[in-house]
Amino acid sequence: MRKLFIVLASFFTVLGIIFTILPLGTIALIPIALALLFALLVLIKSEATQKKFPIMLLILSALTLFIVIGREAFVKDEVIVDTQFDQKKIESKTEAKKDLEELEGM
């Protein structure tokens, strides 16, 4: 049972790290929470001499949890209006109208 929990905790820890790196928002909290749960179960099932790896998994999962929460709390997404693009779009419309009027006039 301990080995199964170690495999699951490791898998969800790696998956949480991958989701943390990718810009997926708070969806990374699901595998991180599962990793924390399984790492705690491994820690409970382990003997005193076998607790180094579960503690490492707990620390890694907690670190990714803090990164995800910090990113959501402190990083603001801003949409900037591109005035140059809007101006070019208006100019291209007027040029297209002029070209069509010239073709109709021929």
C-alpha atoms as a PDB file:
ATOM      1  CA  MET A   1       0.000   0.000   0.000  1.00  0.00           C
ATOM      2  CA  ARG A   2       2.880   2.338   0.800  1.00  0.00           C
ATOM      3  CA  LYS A   3       4.438   1.836  -2.636  1.00  0.00           C
ATOM      4  CA  LEU A   4       1.144   2.645  -4.347  1.00  0.00           C
ATOM      5  CA  PHE A   5       0.853   5.867  -2.350  1.00  0.00           C
ATOM      6  CA  ILE A   6       4.454   6.774  -3.226  1.00  0.00           C
ATOM      7  CA  VAL A   7       3.782   6.260  -6.933  1.00  0.00           C
ATOM      8  CA  LEU A   8       0.553   8.268  -6.798  1.00  0.00           C
ATOM      9  CA  ALA A   9       2.130  11.071  -4.764  1.00  0.00           C
ATOM     10  CA  SER A  10       5.093  11.244  -7.152  1.00  0.00           C
ATOM     11  CA  PHE A  11       2.836  11.247 -10.213  1.00  0.00           C
ATOM     12  CA  PHE A  12       0.576  13.992  -8.897  1.00  0.00           C
ATOM     13  CA  THR A  13       3.565  16.035  -7.728  1.00  0.00           C
ATOM     14  CA  VAL A  14       5.092  15.942 -11.211  1.00  0.00           C
ATOM     15  CA  LEU A  15       1.711  16.692 -12.779  1.00  0.00           C
ATOM     16  CA  GLY A  16       1.251  19.626 -10.390  1.00  0.00           C
ATOM     17  CA  ILE A  17       4.684  21.001 -11.308  1.00  0.00           C
ATOM     18  CA  ILE A  18       3.862  20.719 -15.017  1.00  0.00           C
ATOM     19  CA  PHE A  19       0.512  22.474 -14.525  1.00  0.00           C
ATOM     20  CA  THR A  20       2.246  25.166 -12.463  1.00  0.00           C
ATOM     21  CA  ILE A  21       4.719  25.886 -15.255  1.00  0.00           C
ATOM     22  CA  LEU A  22       2.010  25.969 -17.915  1.00  0.00           C
ATOM     23  CA  PRO A  23      -0.355  28.952 -17.800  1.00  0.00           C
ATOM     24  CA  LEU A  24      -3.426  26.970 -16.736  1.00  0.00           C
ATOM     25  CA  GLY A  25      -4.474  29.097 -13.787  1.00  0.00           C
ATOM     26  CA  THR A  26      -5.836  27.332 -10.744  1.00  0.00           C
ATOM     27  CA  ILE A  27      -6.351  23.940 -12.396  1.00  0.00           C
ATOM     28  CA  ALA A  28      -2.949  22.973 -10.962  1.00  0.00           C
ATOM     29  CA  LEU A  29      -4.501  22.934  -7.496  1.00  0.00           C
ATOM     30  CA  ILE A  30      -6.227  19.600  -8.172  1.00  0.00           C
ATOM     31  CA  PRO A  31      -3.097  17.472  -8.712  1.00  0.00           C
ATOM     32  CA  ILE A  32      -1.244  19.413  -6.011  1.00  0.00           C
ATOM     33  CA  ALA A  33      -3.981  18.667  -3.470  1.00  0.00           C
ATOM     34  CA  LEU A  34      -3.928  14.990  -4.440  1.00  0.00           C
ATOM     35  CA  ALA A  35      -0.133  14.947  -4.166  1.00  0.00           C
ATOM     36  CA  LEU A  36      -0.315  16.454  -0.686  1.00  0.00           C
ATOM     37  CA  LEU A  37      -2.946  13.908   0.338  1.00  0.00           C
ATOM     38  CA  PHE A  38      -0.994  10.894  -0.914  1.00  0.00           C
ATOM     39  CA  ALA A  39       2.280  12.228   0.488  1.00  0.00           C
ATOM     40  CA  LEU A  40       0.638  12.576   3.898  1.00  0.00           C
ATOM     41  CA  LEU A  41      -0.695   9.022   3.633  1.00  0.00           C
ATOM     42  CA  VAL A  42       2.796   7.776   2.738  1.00  0.00           C
ATOM     43  CA  LEU A  43       4.227   9.680   5.685  1.00  0.00           C
ATOM     44  CA  ILE A  44       1.693   8.078   8.025  1.00  0.00           C
ATOM     45  CA  LYS A  45       2.319   4.565   6.636  1.00  0.00           C
ATOM     46  CA  SER A  46       6.120   4.918   6.732  1.00  0.00           C
ATOM     47  CA  GLU A  47       8.423   3.843   9.489  1.00  0.00           C
ATOM     48  CA  ALA A  48      10.847   6.286  11.098  1.00  0.00           C
ATOM     49  CA  THR A  49      13.711   5.364   8.753  1.00  0.00           C
ATOM     50  CA  GLN A  50      11.578   5.661   5.605  1.00  0.00           C
ATOM     51  CA  LYS A  51      10.229   9.185   6.031  1.00  0.00           C
ATOM     52  CA  LYS A  52      12.798  11.122   3.988  1.00  0.00           C
ATOM     53  CA  PHE A  53      11.159  10.722   0.549  1.00  0.00           C
ATOM     54  CA  PRO A  54       7.579  11.453   1.746  1.00  0.00           C
ATOM     55  CA  ILE A  55       8.807  14.624   3.459  1.00  0.00           C
ATOM     56  CA  MET A  56      10.537  15.646   0.229  1.00  0.00           C
ATOM     57  CA  LEU A  57       7.285  15.063  -1.693  1.00  0.00           C
ATOM     58  CA  LEU A  58       5.363  17.117   0.867  1.00  0.00           C
ATOM     59  CA  ILE A  59       7.812  20.004   0.640  1.00  0.00           C
ATOM     60  CA  LEU A  60       7.773  19.955  -3.168  1.00  0.00           C
ATOM     61  CA  SER A  61       3.971  19.819  -3.284  1.00  0.00           C
ATOM     62  CA  ALA A  62       3.636  22.623  -0.741  1.00  0.00           C
ATOM     63  CA  LEU A  63       6.098  24.754  -2.693  1.00  0.00           C
ATOM     64  CA  THR A  64       4.133  24.326  -5.926  1.00  0.00           C
ATOM     65  CA  LEU A  65       0.938  25.096  -4.010  1.00  0.00           C
ATOM     66  CA  PHE A  66       2.414  28.391  -2.775  1.00  0.00           C
ATOM     67  CA  ILE A  67       3.609  29.233  -6.291  1.00  0.00           C
ATOM     68  CA  VAL A  68       0.153  28.686  -7.798  1.00  0.00           C
ATOM     69  CA  ILE A  69      -1.600  30.664  -5.070  1.00  0.00           C
ATOM     70  CA  GLY A  70       0.982  33.449  -5.291  1.00  0.00           C
ATOM     71  CA  ARG A  71       0.692  33.646  -9.050  1.00  0.00           C
ATOM     72  CA  GLU A  72      -3.084  33.915  -8.868  1.00  0.00           C
ATOM     73  CA  ALA A  73      -3.005  36.474  -6.059  1.00  0.00           C
ATOM     74  CA  PHE A  74      -0.244  38.799  -7.212  1.00  0.00           C
ATOM     75  CA  VAL A  75      -0.008  38.573 -11.009  1.00  0.00           C
ATOM     76  CA  LYS A  76      -2.605  40.685 -12.749  1.00  0.00           C
ATOM     77  CA  ASP A  77      -3.689  39.949 -16.310  1.00  0.00           C
ATOM     78  CA  GLU A  78      -4.065  43.137 -18.297  1.00  0.00           C
ATOM     79  CA  VAL A  79      -5.469  43.662 -21.754  1.00  0.00           C
ATOM     80  CA  ILE A  80      -3.833  46.562 -23.556  1.00  0.00           C
ATOM     81  CA  VAL A  81      -5.631  48.260 -26.433  1.00  0.00           C
ATOM     82  CA  ASP A  82      -3.432  48.307 -29.509  1.00  0.00           C
ATOM     83  CA  THR A  83      -4.137  51.717 -31.039  1.00  0.00           C
ATOM     84  CA  GLN A  84      -1.659  51.233 -33.887  1.00  0.00           C
ATOM     85  CA  PHE A  85      -3.472  48.114 -35.052  1.00  0.00           C
ATOM     86  CA  ASP A  86      -6.841  49.870 -34.879  1.00  0.00           C
ATOM     87  CA  GLN A  87      -5.459  52.804 -36.882  1.00  0.00           C
ATOM     88  CA  LYS A  88      -3.996  50.491 -39.540  1.00  0.00           C
ATOM     89  CA  LYS A  89      -7.297  48.637 -39.771  1.00  0.00           C
ATOM     90  CA  ILE A  90      -9.194  51.888 -40.377  1.00  0.00           C
ATOM     91  CA  GLU A  91      -6.634  53.017 -42.964  1.00  0.00           C
ATOM     92  CA  SER A  92      -6.828  49.719 -44.825  1.00  0.00           C
ATOM     93  CA  LYS A  93     -10.634  49.968 -44.935  1.00  0.00           C
ATOM     94  CA  THR A  94     -10.494  53.459 -46.419  1.00  0.00           C
ATOM     95  CA  GLU A  95      -7.865  52.378 -48.953  1.00  0.00           C
ATOM     96  CA  ALA A  96      -9.990  49.394 -49.942  1.00  0.00           C
ATOM     97  CA  LYS A  97     -13.015  51.663 -50.430  1.00  0.00           C
ATOM     98  CA  LYS A  98     -10.966  54.031 -52.588  1.00  0.00           C
ATOM     99  CA  ASP A  99      -9.696  51.140 -54.699  1.00  0.00           C
ATOM    100  CA  LEU A 100     -13.231  49.832 -55.213  1.00  0.00           C
ATOM    101  CA  GLU A 101     -14.498  53.293 -56.164  1.00  0.00           C
ATOM    102  CA  GLU A 102     -11.661  53.640 -58.693  1.00  0.00           C
ATOM    103  CA  LEU A 103     -12.504  50.262 -60.201  1.00  0.00           C
ATOM    104  CA  GLU A 104     -16.197  51.174 -60.464  1.00  0.00           C
ATOM    105  CA  GLY A 105     -15.328  54.497 -62.105  1.00  0.00           C
ATOM    106  CA  MET A 106     -13.430  52.816 -64.966  1.00  0.00           C
END
